[in-house]
Amino acid sequence: MTASEIIELLGSEQLLREGGYFKETYRSTLSTALEKGGSRSCGTAIYYLLTPETHSAIHRLRFDEMYHFYLATPSKCSN
């Protein structure tokens, strides 16, 4: 499959600020209060896709993330 076919099949949306494409597949019905007000779901799951034309912007999260790689391998980092 091509990246375009996967994006269309999943109905993925482009992440303009962070880069890439995503499709949320799960959101917990439980939520937790945030220190500055509001709330956040206790858990979500997404498909995230990078193409040669997109990037993943560096960002900091206060919550855990888990990665699974499908149809590709993790990028190799050079030291």
C-alpha atoms as a PDB file:
ATOM      1  CA  MET A   1       0.000   0.000   0.000  1.00  0.00           C
ATOM      2  CA  THR A   2       1.072   3.562  -0.579  1.00  0.00           C
ATOM      3  CA  ALA A   3       0.980   6.269   2.079  1.00  0.00           C
ATOM      4  CA  SER A   4      -1.849   7.985   0.173  1.00  0.00           C
ATOM      5  CA  GLU A   5      -3.891   4.775   0.173  1.00  0.00           C
ATOM      6  CA  ILE A   6      -3.395   4.322   3.933  1.00  0.00           C
ATOM      7  CA  ILE A   7      -4.350   7.954   4.630  1.00  0.00           C
ATOM      8  CA  GLU A   8      -7.517   7.544   2.575  1.00  0.00           C
ATOM      9  CA  LEU A   9      -8.400   4.113   4.019  1.00  0.00           C
ATOM     10  CA  LEU A  10      -8.121   5.337   7.622  1.00  0.00           C
ATOM     11  CA  GLY A  11      -9.597   8.778   6.982  1.00  0.00           C
ATOM     12  CA  SER A  12      -6.459  10.302   8.499  1.00  0.00           C
ATOM     13  CA  GLU A  13      -6.125  14.013   9.192  1.00  0.00           C
ATOM     14  CA  GLN A  14      -3.019  16.113   8.642  1.00  0.00           C
ATOM     15  CA  LEU A  15      -1.331  17.498  11.756  1.00  0.00           C
ATOM     16  CA  LEU A  16      -0.247  20.929  10.570  1.00  0.00           C
ATOM     17  CA  ARG A  17       1.722  22.023  13.655  1.00  0.00           C
ATOM     18  CA  GLU A  18       3.307  18.685  14.581  1.00  0.00           C
ATOM     19  CA  GLY A  19       3.570  17.122  11.113  1.00  0.00           C
ATOM     20  CA  GLY A  20       2.402  13.837   9.651  1.00  0.00           C
ATOM     21  CA  TYR A  21      -1.091  12.330   9.563  1.00  0.00           C
ATOM     22  CA  PHE A  22      -3.175  10.736  12.326  1.00  0.00           C
ATOM     23  CA  LYS A  23      -6.385   8.829  12.946  1.00  0.00           C
ATOM     24  CA  GLU A  24      -7.706   8.374  16.482  1.00  0.00           C
ATOM     25  CA  THR A  25      -8.941   4.799  17.013  1.00  0.00           C
ATOM     26  CA  TYR A  26      -9.709   4.822  20.748  1.00  0.00           C
ATOM     27  CA  ARG A  27     -10.499   7.344  23.495  1.00  0.00           C
ATOM     28  CA  SER A  28     -11.107   6.335  27.114  1.00  0.00           C
ATOM     29  CA  THR A  29     -14.421   7.310  28.659  1.00  0.00           C
ATOM     30  CA  LEU A  30     -12.478   8.131  31.850  1.00  0.00           C
ATOM     31  CA  SER A  31     -10.807  11.511  32.278  1.00  0.00           C
ATOM     32  CA  THR A  32      -8.471  13.191  34.716  1.00  0.00           C
ATOM     33  CA  ALA A  33      -8.365  16.804  35.909  1.00  0.00           C
ATOM     34  CA  LEU A  34      -5.455  18.974  34.795  1.00  0.00           C
ATOM     35  CA  GLU A  35      -3.574  21.308  37.136  1.00  0.00           C
ATOM     36  CA  LYS A  36      -4.449  24.412  35.099  1.00  0.00           C
ATOM     37  CA  GLY A  37      -8.104  23.460  34.764  1.00  0.00           C
ATOM     38  CA  GLY A  38      -9.967  21.363  32.254  1.00  0.00           C
ATOM     39  CA  SER A  39      -9.571  17.632  31.843  1.00  0.00           C
ATOM     40  CA  ARG A  40      -7.861  15.057  29.664  1.00  0.00           C
ATOM     41  CA  SER A  41      -8.812  11.545  28.592  1.00  0.00           C
ATOM     42  CA  CYS A  42      -7.033   8.864  30.596  1.00  0.00           C
ATOM     43  CA  GLY A  43      -6.001   7.157  27.365  1.00  0.00           C
ATOM     44  CA  THR A  44      -6.166   7.374  23.591  1.00  0.00           C
ATOM     45  CA  ALA A  45      -4.793   5.357  20.679  1.00  0.00           C
ATOM     46  CA  ILE A  46      -3.943   6.702  17.236  1.00  0.00           C
ATOM     47  CA  TYR A  47      -2.382   5.647  13.971  1.00  0.00           C
ATOM     48  CA  TYR A  48       0.344   8.151  13.052  1.00  0.00           C
ATOM     49  CA  LEU A  49       1.947   8.268   9.619  1.00  0.00           C
ATOM     50  CA  LEU A  50       4.988  10.116   8.343  1.00  0.00           C
ATOM     51  CA  THR A  51       5.730  10.372   4.629  1.00  0.00           C
ATOM     52  CA  PRO A  52       8.978  11.497   2.989  1.00  0.00           C
ATOM     53  CA  GLU A  53       7.323  14.914   2.534  1.00  0.00           C
ATOM     54  CA  THR A  54       6.301  15.323   6.204  1.00  0.00           C
ATOM     55  CA  HIS A  55       8.142  15.635   9.503  1.00  0.00           C
ATOM     56  CA  SER A  56       7.545  15.119  13.208  1.00  0.00           C
ATOM     57  CA  ALA A  57       8.168  18.356  15.113  1.00  0.00           C
ATOM     58  CA  ILE A  58       9.964  18.082  18.430  1.00  0.00           C
ATOM     59  CA  HIS A  59       7.511  18.464  21.289  1.00  0.00           C
ATOM     60  CA  ARG A  60       7.311  17.659  24.977  1.00  0.00           C
ATOM     61  CA  LEU A  61       4.563  15.582  26.554  1.00  0.00           C
ATOM     62  CA  ARG A  62       3.676  15.219  30.211  1.00  0.00           C
ATOM     63  CA  PHE A  63       2.078  11.844  29.509  1.00  0.00           C
ATOM     64  CA  ASP A  64       3.332   8.491  28.241  1.00  0.00           C
ATOM     65  CA  GLU A  65       3.420   7.574  24.543  1.00  0.00           C
ATOM     66  CA  MET A  66       3.825   4.106  23.056  1.00  0.00           C
ATOM     67  CA  TYR A  67       5.004   3.440  19.505  1.00  0.00           C
ATOM     68  CA  HIS A  68       4.381   0.485  17.194  1.00  0.00           C
ATOM     69  CA  PHE A  69       5.911   0.464  13.727  1.00  0.00           C
ATOM     70  CA  TYR A  70       3.886  -0.948  10.814  1.00  0.00           C
ATOM     71  CA  LEU A  71       5.048  -1.229   7.189  1.00  0.00           C
ATOM     72  CA  ALA A  72       8.295   0.525   8.108  1.00  0.00           C
ATOM     73  CA  THR A  73      11.118   0.615  10.597  1.00  0.00           C
ATOM     74  CA  PRO A  74      12.181   3.267  13.093  1.00  0.00           C
ATOM     75  CA  SER A  75      14.427   5.980  11.695  1.00  0.00           C
ATOM     76  CA  LYS A  76      18.117   5.425  12.272  1.00  0.00           C
ATOM     77  CA  CYS A  77      19.786   8.108  14.376  1.00  0.00           C
ATOM     78  CA  SER A  78      23.341   9.131  13.674  1.00  0.00           C
ATOM     79  CA  ASN A  79      25.627  10.169  16.499  1.00  0.00           C
END
